[in-house]
Amino acid sequence: MHTFTLWAPRPKKVAVSIGDRVYPMQGPNDKGYWKVSVEEAGEGTDYGFLLDDDPMPYPDPRSLWQPFGVHKPSRVYNQNAFKWEDSTWQGPPLTGAVIYEMHIGTFTPEGTFDAAIEKLPYLFDLGITHVEVMPVAEAAGNRGWGYDGVDLYASSSCYGGPDAFKRFVNAAHRQGIGVILDVVYNHFGPVGNYTGKFGPYVTSKHQTPWGDAVNLEDGGSDEVRKFFSDNALMWMRDFHVDGLRLDAVHELVDRSAVHFLEQLAANVYNMSATLGRRLFLIAESDLNNPCIVRPIEANGYGMDAQWSDDFHHSLFTLLHVEEGSAGKGYYNDFGDFECLAKSLKSMFVYDGIYSEYRNRHHGRPVDSLSAHHFIGFIQNHDQVGNRATGDRLEHIIGVPRTKVALGIVLTAPFIPMLFQGEEFAASTPFLYFADHEDPEMAKLVAEGRKKEFAAFGWDESQIPNPEDKETFTNSILNWDEADQGKHRDIFEWTARLIHIRRNSISLNDGDRGHIKVTFSEEHKWLRMDRNLVTVIANLGPAPCQFEIGPEHELLLASVSEWTRVEDGHVTVPPDGFAILTAEKE
């Protein structure tokens, strides 16, 4: 026997359809819920919901398994059947994390959870503490980034389905790696979203880049908020995920006395206490508002960390100044060493100052918050995939400057994150790809991409069609190259940097009062002093000399044959990076 429960305040009558049989549901109760127990139903039963006189069976908005896609019946799935092997798992702390963002479909040639398991020992040896998996919720089509999910409780069948995802998380924990799942609560995908048939999941009172906003404050919003909060708790409780990355929280329109993020953080905190292991939430936000990561007790929203775009923009514009893609669009607000220094010391460059790109003042200071509330990167799915040709950093600036970039990211005070393949300078691009069944939708997506790039000066003819299958296949990592030539060189550099970071007390200190940043706009160098560790990056055309203490020793240099330490000074060559330390092992 299986009991079906459904929140559907809109229809006047509801039934469960199983094969050629129909079972009317009782309801609705005063909150809009319907219910029926079916003796013949159980694990593996395929079902749909019939609403009023509509003959089409609709998938369950809380479906745990959509084996036939987003338009077909849901399948009953038993969350308790999987045999976990991580009962003692606690996971590494987020404050000392080195995160690795991955897209399951392009991470391996097979593009499945099970295939990704085979690479976990490699990531552990590299020094990765957490993998951040791009969204896996069921979406229309057979390929995509995952941000157009419509069945948010169902693990993508393209990647192997719910049991396969559990096998992946179980294997990661066995390997000593935590799992962060990227989730999308700011919109539903444009194809296969039937939630509007059931209830007011979205509202036309507010708009987002994807259409009507999720209903977080209008009539019926209590159950909508519960829908998303329960989803977050499910991934943590039933799939043993350690943390969630919340996509674009600035598009969550909520003027309630208790913001949805605060409600979610409180629920996750309680779930963490119940499960006896640390759970966390990471936000993506372009508001530059420290309230996002300030604790609830300090009148914040309680997110544990957020992505730091200002750092990326500051560093990228310095690394890549000679071509048209930098210095356009939002890059207009960046481009000097002062911005980079401020992003390392203060996290937000725009902390209440005027933004030329926005044509207004933007942000506010982070005050006394630790740097561990912020995640920094020079590559991620957006910053690679949202370039016209999906080109990676090394494709744009070459090996020497890529080493400098990795050096800064992996020695900075915030939590560092790498994007799949970055650790060996993958030759494959990461393009924007999609698989929309509706030809008109596919056309609109392709045209929209071209318009989006206009602000950055890209030639429309360079932009691959997201709907072409080869756009997807061209983005699959080529693991054969990882041990060859420059790819091996970058891999060894990255591994060494991660090892240094994870074994240095100074580099794991999130107190921003313990960091000193100096720079020269004229000579194009930057120096970070972090307690007993000194980091120097020289992007200028000439060698630069710096005074250091007699106790400092050269720990690592990107151009070791030209980096000199003598007479209390270190000389760093052009496009060079060096780490010096007075820490004793």
Foldseek 3Di string as FASTA:
>chain_A
DDKDKAQFQPFPWKWKDFPPDIGTWDDDDPLRMTMDDDPPDDAFTWIFMDGHPDPQGAEGLQAAADLPALRGTGGDHDLPPDDFDQLVFFFDDLLQFAEEEEEQQQQAVLSALVVVLVCLLVCVLLQGAEYEYFAQATDPDLDFRRQQHQSLNWGYVSRPTDNSLLVNQRSNSVSNHAYEYEGEDFDHHPPSHPVVNGDPQFDQVDADPRGTTGDCDDPSNVVSLVVVLVSLLCCCVRSVHQEYEYEACVSHDDPDPQDSLLVSLVSVVVSCVVSVHHHFYEYEYPQQELLACDPVVVVRSNHPAYEQVLLLLQLVLQLFVPDQQACFQQNVQYRFVVSNLCCLQFVDSQAQDARPNVRGRGHHTNPFDFLQRYEYENDELCVQALDQLQADDCVRRNLLLLLLRLLCQLQGLYHYYHYNLSQQRFPFGRYGADADPDPVVLVVVLVVSLVVCVRRPDDSVSHDRRNDVVSSVSRRTDPVCCCDDSSVVSNVSSSLSSVVLSPDPQSSGRGSVQWDKDADRVQAKIWIDRPFKIKIFGQGQAKDKDFADPLKDWDDKPCVVPWDDDDRMIIAGHSMMTMIGNDDD
